[in-house]
Amino acid sequence: MKNVDEILALSPAEKILLIEQLWDSLSDSSIEVSDSQKAEIRKRLMRYDQGKTKVYTWDEVKSEIRSL
């Protein structure tokens, strides 16, 4: 296993590959979602389904971030 200094010394491409490997190692069943998180997800989905949530395109998000 690599230590933090070894990880930080990796190239950006190597770091991305490591992140992908870590992400892929997580299974849906290994991620615990609390009841309050589930309730929040249901609330947000309901607001989205009712048209009460503003939706942004990726271009709009990038533009907003770049304007900061």
N, C-alpha and C. Protein backbone atom coordinates (compact mmCIF):
# COMPACT_ATOMS: atom_id res chain seq x y z
N MET A 1 0.85 -1.19 0.00
CA MET A 1 0.00 0.00 0.00
C MET A 1 0.89 1.24 0.00
N LYS A 2 0.48 2.24 -0.73
CA LYS A 2 1.25 3.48 -0.83
C LYS A 2 0.95 4.36 0.38
N ASN A 3 1.98 5.09 0.82
CA ASN A 3 1.73 6.06 1.87
C ASN A 3 1.36 7.39 1.22
N VAL A 4 0.96 8.35 2.01
CA VAL A 4 0.46 9.61 1.49
C VAL A 4 1.51 10.33 0.65
N ASP A 5 2.76 10.32 1.07
CA ASP A 5 3.80 11.00 0.30
C ASP A 5 3.97 10.37 -1.09
N GLU A 6 3.87 9.04 -1.16
CA GLU A 6 3.97 8.37 -2.45
C GLU A 6 2.79 8.73 -3.35
N ILE A 7 1.62 8.82 -2.76
CA ILE A 7 0.42 9.18 -3.53
C ILE A 7 0.54 10.61 -4.05
N LEU A 8 1.00 11.52 -3.20
CA LEU A 8 1.13 12.91 -3.61
C LEU A 8 2.18 13.09 -4.69
N ALA A 9 3.15 12.17 -4.77
CA ALA A 9 4.20 12.25 -5.77
C ALA A 9 3.77 11.70 -7.13
N LEU A 10 2.61 11.06 -7.18
CA LEU A 10 2.12 10.51 -8.44
C LEU A 10 1.80 11.62 -9.43
N SER A 11 1.86 11.29 -10.69
CA SER A 11 1.46 12.24 -11.73
C SER A 11 -0.06 12.41 -11.69
N PRO A 12 -0.59 13.48 -12.26
CA PRO A 12 -2.05 13.65 -12.29
C PRO A 12 -2.75 12.44 -12.90
N ALA A 13 -2.21 11.89 -13.97
CA ALA A 13 -2.84 10.73 -14.62
C ALA A 13 -2.85 9.52 -13.67
N GLU A 14 -1.75 9.31 -12.96
CA GLU A 14 -1.68 8.20 -12.01
C GLU A 14 -2.65 8.40 -10.85
N LYS A 15 -2.81 9.64 -10.40
CA LYS A 15 -3.76 9.93 -9.32
C LYS A 15 -5.19 9.64 -9.77
N ILE A 16 -5.50 10.01 -11.01
CA ILE A 16 -6.85 9.76 -11.53
C ILE A 16 -7.10 8.25 -11.60
N LEU A 17 -6.12 7.49 -12.06
CA LEU A 17 -6.28 6.03 -12.11
C LEU A 17 -6.48 5.45 -10.71
N LEU A 18 -5.75 5.96 -9.74
CA LEU A 18 -5.91 5.50 -8.36
C LEU A 18 -7.30 5.84 -7.84
N ILE A 19 -7.76 7.04 -8.13
CA ILE A 19 -9.11 7.44 -7.71
C ILE A 19 -10.15 6.52 -8.34
N GLU A 20 -9.98 6.22 -9.61
CA GLU A 20 -10.91 5.31 -10.30
C GLU A 20 -10.92 3.94 -9.64
N GLN A 21 -9.74 3.44 -9.30
CA GLN A 21 -9.66 2.13 -8.65
C GLN A 21 -10.35 2.15 -7.29
N LEU A 22 -10.14 3.22 -6.54
CA LEU A 22 -10.79 3.34 -5.23
C LEU A 22 -12.30 3.42 -5.39
N TRP A 23 -12.75 4.24 -6.33
CA TRP A 23 -14.19 4.41 -6.57
C TRP A 23 -14.82 3.08 -6.97
N ASP A 24 -14.17 2.37 -7.88
CA ASP A 24 -14.69 1.10 -8.36
C ASP A 24 -14.70 0.03 -7.26
N SER A 25 -13.86 0.19 -6.25
CA SER A 25 -13.81 -0.80 -5.18
C SER A 25 -14.99 -0.67 -4.21
N LEU A 26 -15.71 0.45 -4.30
CA LEU A 26 -16.87 0.64 -3.44
C LEU A 26 -18.08 -0.02 -4.09
N SER A 27 -18.78 -0.79 -3.31
CA SER A 27 -20.02 -1.37 -3.83
C SER A 27 -21.19 -0.58 -3.25
N ASP A 28 -22.31 -0.64 -3.93
CA ASP A 28 -23.50 0.07 -3.44
C ASP A 28 -23.85 -0.36 -2.02
N SER A 29 -23.65 -1.61 -1.72
CA SER A 29 -24.03 -2.11 -0.40
C SER A 29 -23.06 -1.66 0.70
N SER A 30 -21.87 -1.20 0.32
CA SER A 30 -20.91 -0.77 1.33
C SER A 30 -21.11 0.68 1.74
N ILE A 31 -21.98 1.40 1.05
CA ILE A 31 -22.22 2.80 1.36
C ILE A 31 -23.52 2.90 2.16
N GLU A 32 -23.40 3.34 3.38
CA GLU A 32 -24.57 3.44 4.24
C GLU A 32 -25.21 4.82 4.09
N VAL A 33 -26.51 4.83 3.93
CA VAL A 33 -27.27 6.07 3.82
C VAL A 33 -28.23 6.11 5.02
N SER A 34 -28.14 7.17 5.79
CA SER A 34 -28.97 7.28 6.98
C SER A 34 -30.43 7.56 6.60
N ASP A 35 -31.31 7.35 7.55
CA ASP A 35 -32.73 7.63 7.31
C ASP A 35 -32.96 9.10 6.98
N SER A 36 -32.23 9.99 7.64
CA SER A 36 -32.40 11.42 7.36
C SER A 36 -31.91 11.76 5.95
N GLN A 37 -30.84 11.10 5.50
CA GLN A 37 -30.36 11.32 4.13
C GLN A 37 -31.38 10.81 3.12
N LYS A 38 -31.96 9.65 3.39
CA LYS A 38 -32.98 9.09 2.50
C LYS A 38 -34.19 10.03 2.43
N ALA A 39 -34.58 10.58 3.58
CA ALA A 39 -35.71 11.50 3.61
C ALA A 39 -35.41 12.74 2.79
N GLU A 40 -34.19 13.25 2.88
CA GLU A 40 -33.80 14.44 2.12
C GLU A 40 -33.81 14.14 0.62
N ILE A 41 -33.33 12.97 0.24
CA ILE A 41 -33.34 12.58 -1.18
C ILE A 41 -34.77 12.52 -1.68
N ARG A 42 -35.67 11.88 -0.90
CA ARG A 42 -37.07 11.79 -1.32
C ARG A 42 -37.69 13.18 -1.45
N LYS A 43 -37.38 14.08 -0.51
CA LYS A 43 -37.91 15.44 -0.55
C LYS A 43 -37.43 16.18 -1.81
N ARG A 44 -36.16 16.05 -2.11
CA ARG A 44 -35.60 16.73 -3.28
C ARG A 44 -36.17 16.17 -4.58
N LEU A 45 -36.32 14.83 -4.65
CA LEU A 45 -36.90 14.23 -5.85
C LEU A 45 -38.34 14.67 -6.04
N MET A 46 -39.10 14.78 -4.95
CA MET A 46 -40.48 15.22 -5.02
C MET A 46 -40.55 16.66 -5.54
N ARG A 47 -39.68 17.53 -5.01
CA ARG A 47 -39.65 18.93 -5.48
C ARG A 47 -39.26 18.99 -6.95
N TYR A 48 -38.33 18.14 -7.38
CA TYR A 48 -37.93 18.10 -8.79
C TYR A 48 -39.10 17.64 -9.64
N ASP A 49 -39.76 16.57 -9.24
CA ASP A 49 -40.90 16.04 -10.00
C ASP A 49 -42.03 17.05 -10.10
N GLN A 50 -42.18 17.90 -9.09
CA GLN A 50 -43.23 18.92 -9.08
C GLN A 50 -42.82 20.18 -9.83
N GLY A 51 -41.60 20.20 -10.36
CA GLY A 51 -41.12 21.37 -11.10
C GLY A 51 -40.74 22.54 -10.20
N LYS A 52 -40.46 22.27 -8.94
CA LYS A 52 -40.12 23.33 -7.98
C LYS A 52 -38.62 23.50 -7.81
N THR A 53 -37.84 22.78 -8.58
CA THR A 53 -36.39 22.84 -8.47
C THR A 53 -35.80 23.43 -9.74
N LYS A 54 -34.96 24.44 -9.60
CA LYS A 54 -34.27 25.03 -10.74
C LYS A 54 -33.16 24.09 -11.18
N VAL A 55 -33.10 23.83 -12.45
CA VAL A 55 -32.10 22.93 -13.02
C VAL A 55 -31.16 23.76 -13.89
N TYR A 56 -29.86 23.48 -13.78
CA TYR A 56 -28.84 24.21 -14.52
C TYR A 56 -28.10 23.27 -15.46
N THR A 57 -27.71 23.78 -16.62
CA THR A 57 -26.88 23.00 -17.53
C THR A 57 -25.44 23.06 -17.01
N TRP A 58 -24.62 22.13 -17.49
CA TRP A 58 -23.22 22.14 -17.10
C TRP A 58 -22.54 23.44 -17.56
N ASP A 59 -22.90 23.94 -18.73
CA ASP A 59 -22.32 25.20 -19.20
C ASP A 59 -22.68 26.36 -18.27
N GLU A 60 -23.91 26.38 -17.77
CA GLU A 60 -24.32 27.44 -16.84
C GLU A 60 -23.52 27.34 -15.53
N VAL A 61 -23.32 26.13 -15.05
CA VAL A 61 -22.55 25.94 -13.81
C VAL A 61 -21.12 26.41 -13.99
N LYS A 62 -20.49 25.99 -15.10
CA LYS A 62 -19.10 26.41 -15.36
C LYS A 62 -19.01 27.93 -15.46
N SER A 63 -19.95 28.54 -16.14
CA SER A 63 -19.94 29.99 -16.30
C SER A 63 -20.05 30.68 -14.95
N GLU A 64 -20.92 30.18 -14.11
CA GLU A 64 -21.10 30.77 -12.77
C GLU A 64 -19.82 30.64 -11.94
N ILE A 65 -19.21 29.47 -12.00
CA ILE A 65 -17.98 29.25 -11.23
C ILE A 65 -16.86 30.16 -11.73
N ARG A 66 -16.76 30.30 -13.02
CA ARG A 66 -15.68 31.13 -13.59
C ARG A 66 -15.90 32.62 -13.31
N SER A 67 -17.13 33.00 -13.02
CA SER A 67 -17.40 34.42 -12.75
C SER A 67 -17.07 34.81 -11.31
N LEU A 68 -16.75 33.85 -10.47
CA LEU A 68 -16.46 34.15 -9.06
C LEU A 68 -15.09 34.76 -8.88
